[in-house]
PDB file of N, CA and C in Angstrom:
ATOM      1  N   MET A   1       0.837  -1.161   0.000  1.00  0.00           N
ATOM      2  CA  MET A   1       0.000   0.000   0.000  1.00  0.00           C
ATOM      3  C   MET A   1       0.891   1.237   0.000  1.00  0.00           C
ATOM      4  N   GLU A   2       0.506   2.215  -0.777  1.00  0.00           N
ATOM      5  CA  GLU A   2       1.295   3.445  -0.866  1.00  0.00           C
ATOM      6  C   GLU A   2       0.480   4.620  -0.346  1.00  0.00           C
ATOM      7  N   PHE A   3       1.062   5.366   0.560  1.00  0.00           N
ATOM      8  CA  PHE A   3       0.419   6.570   1.068  1.00  0.00           C
ATOM      9  C   PHE A   3       1.020   7.770   0.361  1.00  0.00           C
ATOM     10  N   LYS A   4       0.164   8.603  -0.177  1.00  0.00           N
ATOM     11  CA  LYS A   4       0.618   9.782  -0.898  1.00  0.00           C
ATOM     12  C   LYS A   4       0.345  11.020  -0.058  1.00  0.00           C
ATOM     13  N   PRO A   5       1.046  12.096  -0.383  1.00  0.00           N
ATOM     14  CA  PRO A   5       0.809  13.326   0.381  1.00  0.00           C
ATOM     15  C   PRO A   5      -0.613  13.846   0.145  1.00  0.00           C
ATOM     16  N   PRO A   6      -1.152  14.594   1.093  1.00  0.00           N
ATOM     17  CA  PRO A   6      -2.512  15.122   0.925  1.00  0.00           C
ATOM     18  C   PRO A   6      -2.587  16.090  -0.253  1.00  0.00           C
ATOM     19  N   LEU A   7      -3.733  16.116  -0.879  1.00  0.00           N
ATOM     20  CA  LEU A   7      -3.948  17.040  -1.991  1.00  0.00           C
ATOM     21  C   LEU A   7      -4.202  18.442  -1.463  1.00  0.00           C
ATOM     22  N   ASN A   8      -3.742  19.414  -2.216  1.00  0.00           N
ATOM     23  CA  ASN A   8      -4.043  20.804  -1.896  1.00  0.00           C
ATOM     24  C   ASN A   8      -5.220  21.231  -2.759  1.00  0.00           C
ATOM     25  N   ILE A   9      -6.390  21.215  -2.180  1.00  0.00           N
ATOM     26  CA  ILE A   9      -7.602  21.566  -2.912  1.00  0.00           C
ATOM     27  C   ILE A   9      -8.206  22.805  -2.282  1.00  0.00           C
ATOM     28  N   ASP A  10      -8.434  23.804  -3.108  1.00  0.00           N
ATOM     29  CA  ASP A  10      -9.081  25.032  -2.650  1.00  0.00           C
ATOM     30  C   ASP A  10     -10.529  24.990  -3.127  1.00  0.00           C
ATOM     31  N   TYR A  11     -11.401  24.571  -2.245  1.00  0.00           N
ATOM     32  CA  TYR A  11     -12.806  24.382  -2.610  1.00  0.00           C
ATOM     33  C   TYR A  11     -13.501  25.696  -2.957  1.00  0.00           C
ATOM     34  N   ASP A  12     -12.933  26.808  -2.537  1.00  0.00           N
ATOM     35  CA  ASP A  12     -13.546  28.105  -2.833  1.00  0.00           C
ATOM     36  C   ASP A  12     -13.135  28.643  -4.195  1.00  0.00           C
ATOM     37  N   LYS A  13     -11.932  28.307  -4.655  1.00  0.00           N
ATOM     38  CA  LYS A  13     -11.420  28.884  -5.899  1.00  0.00           C
ATOM     39  C   LYS A  13     -11.411  27.915  -7.074  1.00  0.00           C
ATOM     40  N   GLU A  14     -11.428  26.612  -6.819  1.00  0.00           N
ATOM     41  CA  GLU A  14     -11.374  25.629  -7.899  1.00  0.00           C
ATOM     42  C   GLU A  14     -12.770  25.086  -8.180  1.00  0.00           C
ATOM     43  N   ASN A  15     -13.044  24.889  -9.467  1.00  0.00           N
ATOM     44  CA  ASN A  15     -14.355  24.333  -9.812  1.00  0.00           C
ATOM     45  C   ASN A  15     -14.312  22.807  -9.699  1.00  0.00           C
ATOM     46  N   ALA A  16     -15.458  22.197  -9.823  1.00  0.00           N
ATOM     47  CA  ALA A  16     -15.573  20.748  -9.640  1.00  0.00           C
ATOM     48  C   ALA A  16     -14.686  19.979 -10.617  1.00  0.00           C
ATOM     49  N   GLN A  17     -14.604  20.454 -11.855  1.00  0.00           N
ATOM     50  CA  GLN A  17     -13.787  19.758 -12.858  1.00  0.00           C
ATOM     51  C   GLN A  17     -12.307  19.770 -12.477  1.00  0.00           C
ATOM     52  N   GLU A  18     -11.820  20.895 -11.980  1.00  0.00           N
ATOM     53  CA  GLU A  18     -10.420  20.990 -11.563  1.00  0.00           C
ATOM     54  C   GLU A  18     -10.139  20.078 -10.370  1.00  0.00           C
ATOM     55  N   ILE A  19     -11.067  20.056  -9.431  1.00  0.00           N
ATOM     56  CA  ILE A  19     -10.908  19.203  -8.255  1.00  0.00           C
ATOM     57  C   ILE A  19     -10.922  17.731  -8.660  1.00  0.00           C
ATOM     58  N   LEU A  20     -11.854  17.368  -9.515  1.00  0.00           N
ATOM     59  CA  LEU A  20     -11.937  15.983  -9.985  1.00  0.00           C
ATOM     60  C   LEU A  20     -10.661  15.574 -10.708  1.00  0.00           C
ATOM     61  N   HIS A  21     -10.125  16.464 -11.537  1.00  0.00           N
ATOM     62  CA  HIS A  21      -8.892  16.164 -12.256  1.00  0.00           C
ATOM     63  C   HIS A  21      -7.738  15.914 -11.273  1.00  0.00           C
ATOM     64  N   LYS A  22      -7.645  16.748 -10.247  1.00  0.00           N
ATOM     65  CA  LYS A  22      -6.601  16.548  -9.230  1.00  0.00           C
ATOM     66  C   LYS A  22      -6.746  15.186  -8.557  1.00  0.00           C
ATOM     67  N   ILE A  23      -7.970  14.844  -8.202  1.00  0.00           N
ATOM     68  CA  ILE A  23      -8.212  13.573  -7.521  1.00  0.00           C
ATOM     69  C   ILE A  23      -7.911  12.405  -8.450  1.00  0.00           C
ATOM     70  N   MET A  24      -8.399  12.470  -9.679  1.00  0.00           N
ATOM     71  CA  MET A  24      -8.173  11.380 -10.631  1.00  0.00           C
ATOM     72  C   MET A  24      -6.686  11.197 -10.930  1.00  0.00           C
ATOM     73  N   THR A  25      -5.949  12.288 -11.008  1.00  0.00           N
ATOM     74  CA  THR A  25      -4.509  12.197 -11.238  1.00  0.00           C
ATOM     75  C   THR A  25      -3.822  11.591 -10.016  1.00  0.00           C
ATOM     76  N   ALA A  26      -4.237  12.010  -8.844  1.00  0.00           N
ATOM     77  CA  ALA A  26      -3.617  11.509  -7.608  1.00  0.00           C
ATOM     78  C   ALA A  26      -3.820  10.014  -7.438  1.00  0.00           C
ATOM     79  N   ILE A  27      -4.976   9.507  -7.860  1.00  0.00           N
ATOM     80  CA  ILE A  27      -5.225   8.069  -7.721  1.00  0.00           C
ATOM     81  C   ILE A  27      -4.902   7.318  -9.017  1.00  0.00           C
ATOM     82  N   GLU A  28      -4.222   8.017  -9.920  1.00  0.00           N
ATOM     83  CA  GLU A  28      -3.709   7.433 -11.168  1.00  0.00           C
ATOM     84  C   GLU A  28      -4.810   6.813 -12.021  1.00  0.00           C
ATOM     85  N   GLN A  29      -5.884   7.555 -12.202  1.00  0.00           N
ATOM     86  CA  GLN A  29      -7.008   7.062 -12.993  1.00  0.00           C
ATOM     87  C   GLN A  29      -7.304   7.925 -14.217  1.00  0.00           C
ATOM     88  N   THR A  30      -6.328   8.696 -14.681  1.00  0.00           N
ATOM     89  CA  THR A  30      -6.512   9.487 -15.898  1.00  0.00           C
ATOM     90  C   THR A  30      -5.987   8.692 -17.088  1.00  0.00           C
ATOM     91  N   GLU A  31      -6.243   9.176 -18.275  1.00  0.00           N
ATOM     92  CA  GLU A  31      -5.765   8.513 -19.498  1.00  0.00           C
ATOM     93  C   GLU A  31      -4.241   8.394 -19.509  1.00  0.00           C
ATOM     94  N   ASP A  32      -3.546   9.297 -18.835  1.00  0.00           N
ATOM     95  CA  ASP A  32      -2.083   9.238 -18.786  1.00  0.00           C
ATOM     96  C   ASP A  32      -1.587   7.941 -18.169  1.00  0.00           C
ATOM     97  N   PHE A  33      -2.392   7.347 -17.306  1.00  0.00           N
ATOM     98  CA  PHE A  33      -1.995   6.130 -16.608  1.00  0.00           C
ATOM     99  C   PHE A  33      -2.572   4.872 -17.258  1.00  0.00           C
ATOM    100  N   ASN A  34      -3.381   5.029 -18.277  1.00  0.00           N
ATOM    101  CA  ASN A  34      -4.036   3.890 -18.926  1.00  0.00           C
ATOM    102  C   ASN A  34      -3.094   3.281 -19.954  1.00  0.00           C
ATOM    103  N   VAL A  35      -2.330   2.303 -19.541  1.00  0.00           N
ATOM    104  CA  VAL A  35      -1.349   1.679 -20.438  1.00  0.00           C
ATOM    105  C   VAL A  35      -2.020   0.801 -21.486  1.00  0.00           C
ATOM    106  N   LEU A  36      -3.264   0.439 -21.274  1.00  0.00           N
ATOM    107  CA  LEU A  36      -3.976  -0.396 -22.237  1.00  0.00           C
ATOM    108  C   LEU A  36      -4.884   0.406 -23.159  1.00  0.00           C
ATOM    109  N   HIS A  37      -4.796   1.735 -23.098  1.00  0.00           N
ATOM    110  CA  HIS A  37      -5.696   2.578 -23.882  1.00  0.00           C
ATOM    111  C   HIS A  37      -5.616   2.268 -25.381  1.00  0.00           C
ATOM    112  N   ASN A  38      -4.423   2.193 -25.927  1.00  0.00           N
ATOM    113  CA  ASN A  38      -4.281   1.924 -27.357  1.00  0.00           C
ATOM    114  C   ASN A  38      -4.856   0.556 -27.717  1.00  0.00           C
ATOM    115  N   TYR A  39      -4.617  -0.423 -26.858  1.00  0.00           N
ATOM    116  CA  TYR A  39      -5.157  -1.759 -27.087  1.00  0.00           C
ATOM    117  C   TYR A  39      -6.681  -1.721 -27.075  1.00  0.00           C
ATOM    118  N   ASP A  40      -7.262  -1.003 -26.112  1.00  0.00           N
ATOM    119  CA  ASP A  40      -8.722  -0.881 -26.023  1.00  0.00           C
ATOM    120  C   ASP A  40      -9.289  -0.238 -27.281  1.00  0.00           C
ATOM    121  N   GLU A  41      -8.628   0.808 -27.774  1.00  0.00           N
ATOM    122  CA  GLU A  41      -9.093   1.496 -28.978  1.00  0.00           C
ATOM    123  C   GLU A  41      -9.006   0.576 -30.200  1.00  0.00           C
ATOM    124  N   GLU A  42      -7.932  -0.173 -30.322  1.00  0.00           N
ATOM    125  CA  GLU A  42      -7.780  -1.108 -31.436  1.00  0.00           C
ATOM    126  C   GLU A  42      -8.852  -2.191 -31.379  1.00  0.00           C
ATOM    127  N   LEU A  43      -9.131  -2.678 -30.196  1.00  0.00           N
ATOM    128  CA  LEU A  43     -10.150  -3.702 -30.019  1.00  0.00           C
ATOM    129  C   LEU A  43     -11.532  -3.166 -30.399  1.00  0.00           C
ATOM    130  N   LYS A  44     -11.853  -1.946 -29.998  1.00  0.00           N
ATOM    131  CA  LYS A  44     -13.126  -1.322 -30.366  1.00  0.00           C
ATOM    132  C   LYS A  44     -13.245  -1.185 -31.877  1.00  0.00           C
ATOM    133  N   ALA A  45     -12.166  -0.719 -32.517  1.00  0.00           N
ATOM    134  CA  ALA A  45     -12.172  -0.537 -33.964  1.00  0.00           C
ATOM    135  C   ALA A  45     -12.370  -1.867 -34.676  1.00  0.00           C
ATOM    136  N   LYS A  46     -11.703  -2.901 -34.185  1.00  0.00           N
ATOM    137  CA  LYS A  46     -11.814  -4.224 -34.791  1.00  0.00           C
ATOM    138  C   LYS A  46     -13.253  -4.746 -34.672  1.00  0.00           C
ATOM    139  N   LYS A  47     -13.851  -4.577 -33.483  1.00  0.00           N
ATOM    140  CA  LYS A  47     -15.236  -5.021 -33.281  1.00  0.00           C
ATOM    141  C   LYS A  47     -16.181  -4.245 -34.166  1.00  0.00           C
ATOM    142  N   SER A  48     -15.939  -2.951 -34.308  1.00  0.00           N
ATOM    143  CA  SER A  48     -16.783  -2.107 -35.142  1.00  0.00           C
ATOM    144  C   SER A  48     -16.696  -2.539 -36.611  1.00  0.00           C
ATOM    145  N   GLU A  49     -15.491  -2.861 -37.066  1.00  0.00           N
ATOM    146  CA  GLU A  49     -15.305  -3.322 -38.441  1.00  0.00           C
ATOM    147  C   GLU A  49     -16.045  -4.636 -38.677  1.00  0.00           C
ATOM    148  N   GLN A  50     -15.966  -5.550 -37.708  1.00  0.00           N
ATOM    149  CA  GLN A  50     -16.641  -6.825 -37.829  1.00  0.00           C
ATOM    150  C   GLN A  50     -18.149  -6.629 -37.858  1.00  0.00           C
ATOM    151  N   LYS A  51     -18.648  -5.714 -37.029  1.00  0.00           N
ATOM    152  CA  LYS A  51     -20.090  -5.431 -36.979  1.00  0.00           C
ATOM    153  C   LYS A  51     -20.554  -4.837 -38.306  1.00  0.00           C
ATOM    154  N   ASP A  52     -19.765  -3.907 -38.864  1.00  0.00           N
ATOM    155  CA  ASP A  52     -20.113  -3.255 -40.117  1.00  0.00           C
ATOM    156  C   ASP A  52     -20.076  -4.205 -41.302  1.00  0.00           C
ATOM    157  N   SER A  53     -19.197  -5.227 -41.240  1.00  0.00           N
ATOM    158  CA  SER A  53     -19.069  -6.171 -42.355  1.00  0.00           C
ATOM    159  C   SER A  53     -20.060  -7.320 -42.225  1.00  0.00           C
ATOM    160  N   GLY A  54     -20.828  -7.344 -41.123  1.00  0.00           N
ATOM    161  CA  GLY A  54     -21.848  -8.352 -40.943  1.00  0.00           C
ATOM    162  C   GLY A  54     -21.397  -9.616 -40.263  1.00  0.00           C
ATOM    163  N   ASN A  55     -20.194  -9.641 -39.724  1.00  0.00           N
ATOM    164  CA  ASN A  55     -19.676 -10.824 -39.010  1.00  0.00           C
ATOM    165  C   ASN A  55     -20.056 -10.787 -37.576  1.00  0.00           C
TER     166      ASN A  55
END
């Protein structure tokens, strides 16, 4: 288990999107951390091609 430093969130000055981005980055859940993103996109494209060709 890894403990990270507390986030500096200014609830009065930051909007919900900025706060969410900070949280998602801190817990490593943004696209930057998705090592399988390209694979997922290729798989979607392949399925879409198969669906379009009637397979």
